[in-house]
Protein backbone atom coordinates (compact mmCIF):
# COMPACT_ATOMS: atom_id res chain seq x y z
CA MET A 1 100.62 -2.17 -47.73
CA PHE A 2 101.39 -6.12 -49.01
CA GLY A 3 104.78 -6.72 -47.33
CA ILE A 4 106.36 -7.40 -50.55
CA GLU A 5 110.12 -6.45 -51.88
CA HIS A 6 109.23 -5.02 -55.10
CA PRO A 7 106.82 -2.83 -56.53
CA ILE A 8 105.59 -5.58 -58.94
CA THR A 9 102.38 -7.66 -58.78
CA LEU A 10 101.65 -11.14 -61.12
CA GLY A 11 97.75 -10.56 -61.86
CA GLY A 12 95.40 -13.34 -61.77
CA MET A 13 95.54 -15.38 -64.77
CA GLN A 14 92.57 -18.17 -65.80
CA TRP A 15 94.00 -21.41 -65.97
CA VAL A 16 97.51 -20.21 -65.48
CA GLY A 17 97.46 -18.52 -61.87
CA ARG A 18 98.45 -21.71 -59.90
CA ALA A 19 100.41 -22.35 -56.84
CA GLU A 20 103.86 -23.30 -58.78
CA LEU A 21 103.84 -19.73 -60.44
CA VAL A 22 102.62 -17.65 -57.80
CA ALA A 23 104.96 -19.10 -55.31
CA ALA A 24 107.87 -18.48 -57.60
CA ALA A 25 106.35 -14.87 -57.50
CA ALA A 26 106.24 -14.52 -53.91
CA GLU A 27 109.98 -16.28 -53.51
CA SER A 28 111.11 -13.62 -55.72
CA GLY A 29 109.84 -10.56 -53.62
CA VAL A 30 106.70 -9.89 -55.87
CA LEU A 31 102.94 -10.31 -55.38
CA GLY A 32 101.54 -13.12 -57.08
CA PHE A 33 97.54 -13.99 -57.39
CA LEU A 34 96.00 -17.38 -57.48
CA SER A 35 93.20 -17.63 -59.91
CA ALA A 36 90.08 -18.52 -57.88
CA LEU A 37 88.12 -19.58 -60.73
CA THR A 38 90.61 -21.72 -62.13
CA GLN A 39 89.85 -23.90 -59.18
CA PRO A 40 86.79 -26.39 -60.08
CA SER A 41 84.89 -25.47 -56.54
CA PRO A 42 85.65 -23.39 -53.28
CA GLU A 43 87.01 -26.54 -51.58
CA ASP A 44 89.49 -27.17 -54.32
CA LEU A 45 90.67 -23.10 -54.09
CA VAL A 46 91.29 -24.18 -50.42
CA LYS A 47 93.54 -26.83 -51.28
CA GLU A 48 95.31 -24.82 -53.88
CA ILE A 49 96.14 -22.00 -51.19
CA ALA A 50 97.37 -24.52 -48.89
CA ARG A 51 99.79 -26.27 -51.71
CA CYS A 52 101.04 -22.51 -52.18
CA ARG A 53 101.47 -21.99 -48.65
CA GLU A 54 104.01 -25.30 -48.99
CA MET A 55 106.07 -23.74 -51.49
CA THR A 56 106.35 -20.29 -49.70
CA ASP A 57 105.90 -18.46 -46.63
CA ARG A 58 105.84 -14.86 -48.18
CA PRO A 59 102.57 -13.17 -49.20
CA PHE A 60 100.53 -14.15 -52.11
CA GLY A 61 96.95 -13.23 -53.00
CA VAL A 62 93.52 -14.65 -54.74
CA ASN A 63 92.17 -13.25 -57.79
CA LEU A 64 88.40 -13.41 -57.93
CA THR A 65 86.70 -12.33 -61.35
CA ILE A 66 83.04 -11.58 -61.18
CA LEU A 67 81.35 -11.50 -64.37
CA PRO A 68 77.87 -11.68 -65.83
CA SER A 69 77.14 -15.68 -66.43
CA ILE A 70 74.31 -17.63 -67.50
CA ASN A 71 75.29 -20.49 -64.83
CA PRO A 72 77.69 -18.43 -62.43
CA PRO A 73 79.73 -19.75 -60.16
CA PRO A 74 79.27 -19.81 -56.28
CA TYR A 75 81.28 -16.45 -55.77
CA GLU A 76 80.05 -16.00 -52.50
CA GLU A 77 81.56 -19.30 -51.26
CA TYR A 78 84.44 -18.50 -53.15
CA ARG A 79 84.90 -15.09 -51.41
CA GLN A 80 84.29 -17.19 -47.94
CA ALA A 81 87.01 -19.73 -48.76
CA ILE A 82 89.57 -16.58 -49.35
CA VAL A 83 88.52 -15.28 -46.03
CA GLU A 84 88.96 -18.15 -44.29
CA SER A 85 92.09 -19.20 -45.59
CA GLY A 86 93.98 -16.19 -44.22
CA VAL A 87 94.79 -14.75 -47.44
CA PRO A 88 96.13 -11.02 -46.99
CA VAL A 89 95.10 -9.53 -50.31
CA VAL A 90 92.25 -10.45 -52.88
CA GLU A 91 92.36 -8.88 -56.50
CA THR A 92 88.91 -8.39 -57.66
CA ALA A 93 88.06 -7.67 -61.28
CA GLY A 94 84.88 -7.49 -63.65
CA ALA A 95 82.01 -6.25 -61.57
CA ASN A 96 81.58 -3.60 -59.06
CA PRO A 97 83.38 -4.95 -55.82
CA ALA A 98 80.96 -2.89 -53.29
CA GLU A 99 79.12 -5.96 -52.01
CA HIS A 100 82.27 -7.98 -51.29
CA VAL A 101 84.53 -5.06 -49.85
CA PRO A 102 82.98 -5.21 -46.53
CA VAL A 103 83.15 -9.05 -46.15
CA PHE A 104 86.87 -8.98 -47.30
CA HIS A 105 87.52 -6.31 -44.80
CA GLU A 106 85.77 -7.84 -41.97
CA GLY A 107 87.80 -10.90 -42.74
CA GLY A 108 91.09 -8.66 -42.58
CA VAL A 109 91.71 -9.06 -46.33
CA ARG A 110 93.00 -5.94 -48.45
CA VAL A 111 91.17 -5.46 -51.62
CA LEU A 112 93.20 -4.48 -55.00
CA HIS A 113 90.53 -3.98 -57.90
CA LYS A 114 91.29 -4.17 -61.20
CA CYS A 115 89.99 -1.17 -63.49
CA THR A 116 90.11 0.27 -67.21
CA SER A 117 89.01 3.70 -66.66
CA VAL A 118 89.43 6.92 -64.55
CA ARG A 119 85.66 6.79 -63.47
CA HIS A 120 85.72 3.02 -62.53
CA ALA A 121 88.65 3.72 -60.41
CA VAL A 122 87.15 6.70 -58.63
CA LYS A 123 84.15 4.47 -57.98
CA ALA A 124 86.28 1.74 -56.64
CA GLN A 125 88.12 4.08 -54.02
CA ARG A 126 84.67 5.49 -53.17
CA VAL A 127 83.32 2.00 -52.15
CA GLY A 128 86.47 1.35 -50.13
CA VAL A 129 89.25 -0.64 -51.71
CA ASP A 130 92.43 -0.45 -50.46
CA ALA A 131 94.24 -0.18 -53.98
CA VAL A 132 93.38 -0.14 -57.86
CA SER A 133 95.13 -1.68 -60.74
CA ILE A 134 94.38 0.59 -63.79
CA ASP A 135 94.54 -1.54 -67.16
CA GLY A 136 95.61 0.60 -70.22
CA PHE A 137 94.61 -0.39 -73.91
CA GLU A 138 97.66 -2.57 -74.39
CA CYS A 139 96.68 -5.31 -71.61
CA ALA A 140 95.78 -8.81 -72.28
CA GLY A 141 92.09 -9.80 -71.74
CA HIS A 142 89.54 -7.07 -71.62
CA PRO A 143 90.68 -3.59 -72.03
CA GLY A 144 87.09 -1.68 -71.48
CA GLU A 145 85.99 0.42 -74.46
CA ASP A 146 87.51 3.61 -74.20
CA ASP A 147 90.89 2.36 -75.99
CA ILE A 148 92.99 4.85 -73.68
CA PRO A 149 96.53 3.72 -73.52
CA GLY A 150 98.92 3.78 -70.25
CA LEU A 151 100.58 6.72 -71.04
CA VAL A 152 97.58 9.01 -70.82
CA LEU A 153 95.45 6.57 -68.37
CA ILE A 154 97.93 6.18 -65.61
CA PRO A 155 98.52 9.77 -64.96
CA ALA A 156 94.98 10.53 -65.52
CA ALA A 157 93.86 8.05 -62.73
CA ALA A 158 96.69 9.20 -60.59
CA ASN A 159 95.10 12.94 -60.70
CA ALA A 160 91.63 11.63 -59.57
CA ILE A 161 92.36 9.22 -57.04
CA ASP A 162 94.16 8.67 -53.50
CA VAL A 163 94.71 5.26 -52.96
CA PRO A 164 97.78 3.33 -54.17
CA MET A 165 97.68 2.31 -58.00
CA ILE A 166 99.31 -0.36 -60.03
CA ALA A 167 99.81 0.24 -63.78
CA SER A 168 98.76 -2.77 -66.02
CA GLY A 169 99.04 -3.28 -69.67
CA GLY A 170 102.11 -3.38 -71.74
CA PHE A 171 104.84 -3.91 -68.77
CA GLY A 172 107.52 -6.34 -69.37
CA ASP A 173 110.71 -4.59 -68.48
CA ALA A 174 112.60 -2.32 -66.30
CA ARG A 175 111.72 0.58 -68.79
CA GLY A 176 108.24 0.08 -68.14
CA LEU A 177 108.56 -0.10 -64.61
CA LEU A 178 110.16 3.46 -64.56
CA ALA A 179 107.81 4.76 -67.04
CA ALA A 180 104.91 3.49 -64.70
CA LEU A 181 106.60 5.17 -61.40
CA ALA A 182 107.15 8.60 -63.35
CA LEU A 183 103.65 8.52 -64.62
CA GLY A 184 102.25 8.31 -61.13
CA ALA A 185 101.67 4.83 -60.56
CA ASP A 186 103.10 2.97 -57.17
CA GLY A 187 103.93 -0.31 -59.14
CA ILE A 188 103.19 -2.42 -62.17
CA ASN A 189 101.34 -5.37 -62.99
CA MET A 190 102.33 -7.91 -65.43
CA GLY A 191 100.48 -11.01 -66.58
CA THR A 192 101.80 -11.90 -70.30
CA ARG A 193 105.43 -11.27 -69.40
CA PHE A 194 105.14 -13.88 -66.67
CA LEU A 195 102.89 -16.04 -68.48
CA CYS A 196 106.23 -16.65 -70.43
CA THR A 197 108.63 -17.78 -67.63
CA SER A 198 109.70 -21.36 -67.17
CA GLU A 199 107.45 -21.82 -63.91
CA ALA A 200 104.33 -21.15 -65.72
CA PRO A 201 102.22 -24.22 -66.15
CA VAL A 202 102.02 -23.49 -70.22
CA HIS A 203 103.10 -26.05 -72.90
CA GLU A 204 106.67 -24.91 -74.05
CA ARG A 205 105.34 -24.42 -77.51
CA ILE A 206 103.01 -21.56 -76.37
CA LYS A 207 105.81 -19.99 -74.67
CA GLU A 208 108.25 -20.21 -77.64
CA GLN A 209 105.52 -19.05 -79.95
CA MET A 210 105.42 -15.73 -77.59
CA VAL A 211 108.97 -15.48 -78.04
CA ARG A 212 108.60 -15.48 -81.73
CA ALA A 213 105.76 -13.22 -81.64
CA SER A 214 105.58 -9.37 -82.07
CA GLU A 215 103.57 -6.48 -80.83
CA LEU A 216 101.44 -7.20 -83.91
CA ASP A 217 100.48 -10.56 -83.36
CA THR A 218 97.41 -9.74 -80.92
CA GLU A 219 93.46 -9.48 -81.96
CA LEU A 220 90.52 -7.60 -80.34
CA ILE A 221 87.65 -9.66 -80.40
CA PHE A 222 83.96 -9.04 -79.36
CA ARG A 223 84.31 -5.48 -80.26
CA PRO A 224 80.78 -5.39 -82.03
CA LEU A 225 79.70 -6.66 -78.67
CA ARG A 226 80.92 -3.76 -76.66
CA ASN A 227 82.88 -6.89 -74.60
CA THR A 228 86.44 -5.95 -76.31
CA ALA A 229 89.03 -8.92 -75.28
CA ARG A 230 92.75 -8.92 -76.52
CA VAL A 231 94.00 -12.29 -77.33
CA ALA A 232 96.86 -13.91 -79.04
CA ARG A 233 96.30 -13.64 -83.10
CA ASN A 234 95.48 -16.99 -84.21
CA ALA A 235 93.02 -18.88 -86.68
CA VAL A 236 90.06 -18.80 -84.02
CA SER A 237 90.56 -15.26 -83.16
CA ARG A 238 90.23 -14.38 -86.87
CA ASP A 239 87.19 -16.40 -87.27
CA VAL A 240 85.66 -14.69 -84.35
CA VAL A 241 86.67 -11.37 -85.64
CA ARG A 242 85.17 -12.30 -89.23
CA ILE A 243 81.89 -13.88 -87.88
CA LEU A 244 81.07 -11.01 -85.48
CA ASP A 245 81.99 -8.29 -88.17
CA SER A 246 79.42 -9.72 -90.94
CA GLY A 247 76.66 -9.50 -88.11
CA GLY A 248 76.96 -12.56 -86.11
CA ALA A 249 75.73 -13.09 -82.50
CA PHE A 250 77.77 -14.54 -79.48
CA GLU A 251 75.96 -17.70 -79.91
CA ASP A 252 77.58 -17.96 -83.73
CA VAL A 253 80.99 -18.10 -81.67
CA ARG A 254 80.26 -19.41 -78.39
CA GLU A 255 82.03 -22.95 -79.18
CA LEU A 256 84.92 -21.05 -80.58
CA VAL A 257 85.69 -18.97 -77.45
CA SER A 258 84.98 -21.50 -74.97
CA GLY A 259 87.06 -21.63 -71.95
CA ALA A 260 87.46 -25.51 -72.27
CA ARG A 261 89.25 -24.92 -75.67
CA GLY A 262 91.42 -22.20 -74.35
CA SER A 263 92.78 -24.09 -71.40
CA GLN A 264 93.26 -26.91 -74.08
CA VAL A 265 95.97 -24.26 -75.85
CA TYR A 266 98.01 -24.25 -72.62
CA GLU A 267 98.17 -27.94 -72.15
CA THR A 268 98.50 -29.35 -75.47
CA GLY A 269 100.81 -26.53 -77.06
CA ASP A 270 98.45 -26.11 -80.02
CA PRO A 271 98.24 -22.20 -80.60
CA ASP A 272 95.31 -22.63 -82.85
CA HIS A 273 93.20 -25.00 -80.90
CA GLY A 274 91.19 -22.06 -79.00
CA ILE A 275 91.18 -18.20 -77.59
CA TRP A 276 94.06 -17.34 -75.30
CA SER A 277 94.77 -14.00 -73.90
CA ALA A 278 97.98 -12.08 -74.69
CA GLY A 279 98.93 -8.57 -74.57
CA LEU A 280 100.94 -6.01 -76.77
CA VAL A 281 103.89 -6.67 -74.35
CA LEU A 282 104.61 -9.72 -76.79
CA GLY A 283 106.66 -7.20 -78.91
CA LEU A 284 109.20 -7.08 -75.59
CA ILE A 285 109.30 -11.03 -74.87
CA ASN A 286 112.56 -12.33 -76.29
CA ASP A 287 113.23 -15.29 -73.85
CA ILE A 288 111.74 -17.54 -71.30
CA PRO A 289 113.65 -17.16 -67.94
CA THR A 290 112.63 -18.36 -64.58
CA VAL A 291 110.29 -15.74 -62.53
CA ALA A 292 113.50 -14.91 -60.19
CA GLU A 293 115.67 -14.15 -62.94
CA LEU A 294 112.79 -11.94 -64.54
CA VAL A 295 112.36 -9.91 -61.45
CA ASP A 296 116.03 -9.61 -60.59
CA ARG A 297 116.69 -8.64 -64.17
CA ILE A 298 114.05 -5.73 -63.76
CA ILE A 299 115.18 -4.27 -60.66
CA THR A 300 118.84 -4.31 -61.78
CA GLU A 301 118.13 -2.45 -65.30
CA ALA A 302 116.05 0.01 -63.45
CA HIS A 303 118.93 0.80 -61.20
CA SER A 304 121.02 1.11 -64.48
CA ILE A 305 118.77 3.31 -66.17
CA LEU A 306 118.65 5.51 -63.35
CA ASP A 307 122.27 5.91 -63.15
CA GLU A 308 123.08 5.98 -66.89
CA ARG A 309 119.94 7.58 -68.48
CA LEU A 310 117.96 9.56 -65.98
CA ASN A 311 120.86 11.24 -64.10
CA VAL A 312 120.94 13.86 -66.98
CA LEU A 313 118.31 15.63 -65.08
CA ALA A 314 120.60 15.93 -62.09
CA ASN A 315 122.92 17.97 -64.09
């Protein structure tokens, strides 16, 4: 469907989904997504798409995350920029994509929608998306409020939908890829694991901290607000949890969780400067490879596992 070599996607990541990383993903045979809202304007997004095309002639997409906001970005203009740039696939997330699907389809753009529950996946299929990405509770960012891990969520979604499905949340190696395929997915999405690669536009100190971290080093914030987000555990995340658990409102943590502070983490290398997303897969990250090395390792080890461990079923 997407013209890629391996069943792996690099989901759109705010501040990180830039041309260098996405082009490296495309060159390695997987599907990467530029982050539309990382770019200050639709015009800047057009330039970033063109810059990515200068680095690769392979397919890549754009992520458009649509969330409620006091001062919303010009989503329709970003959408039009994606269509007019001839991008073959868009990854939508956040709000119901119903109003956007017809426009993207008219422009020849396939739609992959990110969901955190079976019911949302069913609804996305009903409004006409071409594929879904199902996010288990292990994922970075917003896992929804149902707290269903991938081991149950993936096969439950596979039972309920007919469109192709990408499994997301907790994936970072060959074992995860094979597990997802066995559970009924058509491939995997990785965010945190790609964040810790040499091409990711992230300060080296942050990558080194990710290597040192374990599966215990994430935090769930905004739970009392029913807008749960999984982030790297640091001084700021602990303050946010403390304030909200003691009855605070979003206004009391607004400055702590601002996107401007979060983006500075990746630029300055100070892991305690702001909130930054990370999934439970931190516990499986032990190095900082190139994107090509990572993808090659996953595919090579997947074949080895099939030959050495799973062939017991054939005997």
